[in-house]
C-alpha atoms as a PDB file:
ATOM      1  CA  UNK A   1      -5.218  -4.943  -4.334  1.00  0.00           C
ATOM      2  CA  UNK A   2      -3.241  -5.290  -1.138  1.00  0.00           C
ATOM      3  CA  UNK A   3      -1.113  -7.972   0.431  1.00  0.00           C
ATOM      4  CA  UNK A   4       0.830  -8.283   3.622  1.00  0.00           C
ATOM      5  CA  UNK A   5      -1.261  -8.271   6.746  1.00  0.00           C
ATOM      6  CA  UNK A   6      -4.120 -10.063   5.067  1.00  0.00           C
ATOM      7  CA  UNK A   7      -4.766  -9.678   1.372  1.00  0.00           C
ATOM      8  CA  UNK A   8      -7.587  -8.636  -0.855  1.00  0.00           C
ATOM      9  CA  UNK A   9      -8.675  -7.733  -4.326  1.00  0.00           C
ATOM     10  CA  UNK A  10     -11.993  -5.957  -4.285  1.00  0.00           C
ATOM     11  CA  UNK A  11     -13.304  -2.450  -4.971  1.00  0.00           C
ATOM     12  CA  UNK A  12     -13.011  -0.041  -2.040  1.00  0.00           C
ATOM     13  CA  UNK A  13     -14.567   3.337  -1.343  1.00  0.00           C
ATOM     14  CA  UNK A  14     -11.935   6.066  -0.922  1.00  0.00           C
ATOM     15  CA  UNK A  15     -10.518   7.056   1.431  1.00  0.00           C
ATOM     16  CA  UNK A  16      -9.714   3.471   2.462  1.00  0.00           C
ATOM     17  CA  UNK A  17      -7.397   2.132   5.127  1.00  0.00           C
ATOM     18  CA  UNK A  18      -6.297  -1.220   6.497  1.00  0.00           C
ATOM     19  CA  UNK A  19      -4.406  -1.779   9.716  1.00  0.00           C
ATOM     20  CA  UNK A  20      -3.034  -4.765  11.525  1.00  0.00           C
ATOM     21  CA  UNK A  21      -0.156  -6.233  13.461  1.00  0.00           C
ATOM     22  CA  UNK A  22       2.581  -8.381  11.947  1.00  0.00           C
ATOM     23  CA  UNK A  23       4.335 -10.860  14.206  1.00  0.00           C
ATOM     24  CA  UNK A  24       7.363 -11.919  12.182  1.00  0.00           C
ATOM     25  CA  UNK A  25       8.936 -15.348  12.347  1.00  0.00           C
ATOM     26  CA  UNK A  26      12.723 -15.615  12.723  1.00  0.00           C
ATOM     27  CA  UNK A  27      13.028 -16.206   8.957  1.00  0.00           C
ATOM     28  CA  UNK A  28      10.839 -13.182   8.152  1.00  0.00           C
ATOM     29  CA  UNK A  29      12.945 -11.034  10.464  1.00  0.00           C
ATOM     30  CA  UNK A  30      15.999 -11.969   8.371  1.00  0.00           C
ATOM     31  CA  UNK A  31      14.570 -11.636   4.852  1.00  0.00           C
ATOM     32  CA  UNK A  32      11.676  -9.297   5.560  1.00  0.00           C
ATOM     33  CA  UNK A  33       7.912  -9.327   5.190  1.00  0.00           C
ATOM     34  CA  UNK A  34       6.519  -7.524   2.143  1.00  0.00           C
ATOM     35  CA  UNK A  35       3.525  -5.214   2.463  1.00  0.00           C
ATOM     36  CA  UNK A  36       2.195  -4.126  -0.921  1.00  0.00           C
ATOM     37  CA  UNK A  37      -0.619  -1.870  -2.184  1.00  0.00           C
ATOM     38  CA  UNK A  38      -1.554  -1.676  -5.884  1.00  0.00           C
ATOM     39  CA  UNK A  39      -4.232   1.014  -6.213  1.00  0.00           C
ATOM     40  CA  UNK A  40      -6.807   1.110  -8.953  1.00  0.00           C
ATOM     41  CA  UNK A  41      -7.637   4.195 -10.968  1.00  0.00           C
ATOM     42  CA  UNK A  42      -9.472   7.384 -10.059  1.00  0.00           C
ATOM     43  CA  UNK A  43     -10.434  10.433 -12.105  1.00  0.00           C
ATOM     44  CA  UNK A  44      -7.828  13.162 -11.701  1.00  0.00           C
ATOM     45  CA  UNK A  45      -8.440  16.916 -11.556  1.00  0.00           C
ATOM     46  CA  UNK A  46      -7.879  17.079 -15.336  1.00  0.00           C
ATOM     47  CA  UNK A  47     -10.638  14.514 -15.936  1.00  0.00           C
ATOM     48  CA  UNK A  48      -8.184  11.781 -16.954  1.00  0.00           C
ATOM     49  CA  UNK A  49      -7.799   8.442 -15.206  1.00  0.00           C
ATOM     50  CA  UNK A  50      -4.783   8.089 -12.937  1.00  0.00           C
ATOM     51  CA  UNK A  51      -3.671   5.671 -10.256  1.00  0.00           C
ATOM     52  CA  UNK A  52      -5.091   6.400  -6.817  1.00  0.00           C
ATOM     53  CA  UNK A  53      -2.513   7.649  -4.310  1.00  0.00           C
ATOM     54  CA  UNK A  54      -1.356   5.346  -1.509  1.00  0.00           C
ATOM     55  CA  UNK A  55       0.608   5.470   1.737  1.00  0.00           C
ATOM     56  CA  UNK A  56       2.044   2.725   3.946  1.00  0.00           C
ATOM     57  CA  UNK A  57       2.763   3.540   7.582  1.00  0.00           C
ATOM     58  CA  UNK A  58       4.639   1.417  10.115  1.00  0.00           C
ATOM     59  CA  UNK A  59       4.188   2.410  13.753  1.00  0.00           C
ATOM     60  CA  UNK A  60       2.628   5.675  12.561  1.00  0.00           C
ATOM     61  CA  UNK A  61       5.628   6.610  10.373  1.00  0.00           C
ATOM     62  CA  UNK A  62       5.224   6.915   6.576  1.00  0.00           C
ATOM     63  CA  UNK A  63       7.550   4.328   4.977  1.00  0.00           C
ATOM     64  CA  UNK A  64       6.165   4.284   1.399  1.00  0.00           C
ATOM     65  CA  UNK A  65       4.039   6.733  -0.526  1.00  0.00           C
ATOM     66  CA  UNK A  66       2.820   7.322  -4.082  1.00  0.00           C
ATOM     67  CA  UNK A  67       0.881  10.297  -5.368  1.00  0.00           C
ATOM     68  CA  UNK A  68      -0.445   8.250  -8.297  1.00  0.00           C
ATOM     69  CA  UNK A  69       0.940  10.751 -10.837  1.00  0.00           C
ATOM     70  CA  UNK A  70       4.704  11.252 -10.558  1.00  0.00           C
ATOM     71  CA  UNK A  71       5.111   7.816  -8.971  1.00  0.00           C
ATOM     72  CA  UNK A  72       2.471   5.449 -10.316  1.00  0.00           C
ATOM     73  CA  UNK A  73       3.976   2.178  -9.072  1.00  0.00           C
ATOM     74  CA  UNK A  74       1.815   1.800  -5.991  1.00  0.00           C
ATOM     75  CA  UNK A  75       3.360   1.339  -2.571  1.00  0.00           C
ATOM     76  CA  UNK A  76       5.482  -1.431  -1.131  1.00  0.00           C
ATOM     77  CA  UNK A  77       7.631  -1.827   1.953  1.00  0.00           C
ATOM     78  CA  UNK A  78       9.585  -4.694   3.463  1.00  0.00           C
ATOM     79  CA  UNK A  79       9.220  -4.940   7.245  1.00  0.00           C
ATOM     80  CA  UNK A  80      12.243  -6.423   9.043  1.00  0.00           C
END
């Protein structure tokens, strides 16, 4: 599942990416605009299910990242 620049909740083939441009309103510039990725599960190297890793980039710079193991909360970032 992803939300932010568009939103969706459907199975994807990995690796998967989504890109877009956010034009923030004055209010969004003050409080921020949330971009969120909640990955599903994949089979890890040990054969157990784990959350898929995710990365959020803004202007090419990594601003949020999860490896799906040590940080299994997905990825979120507030653009201001």
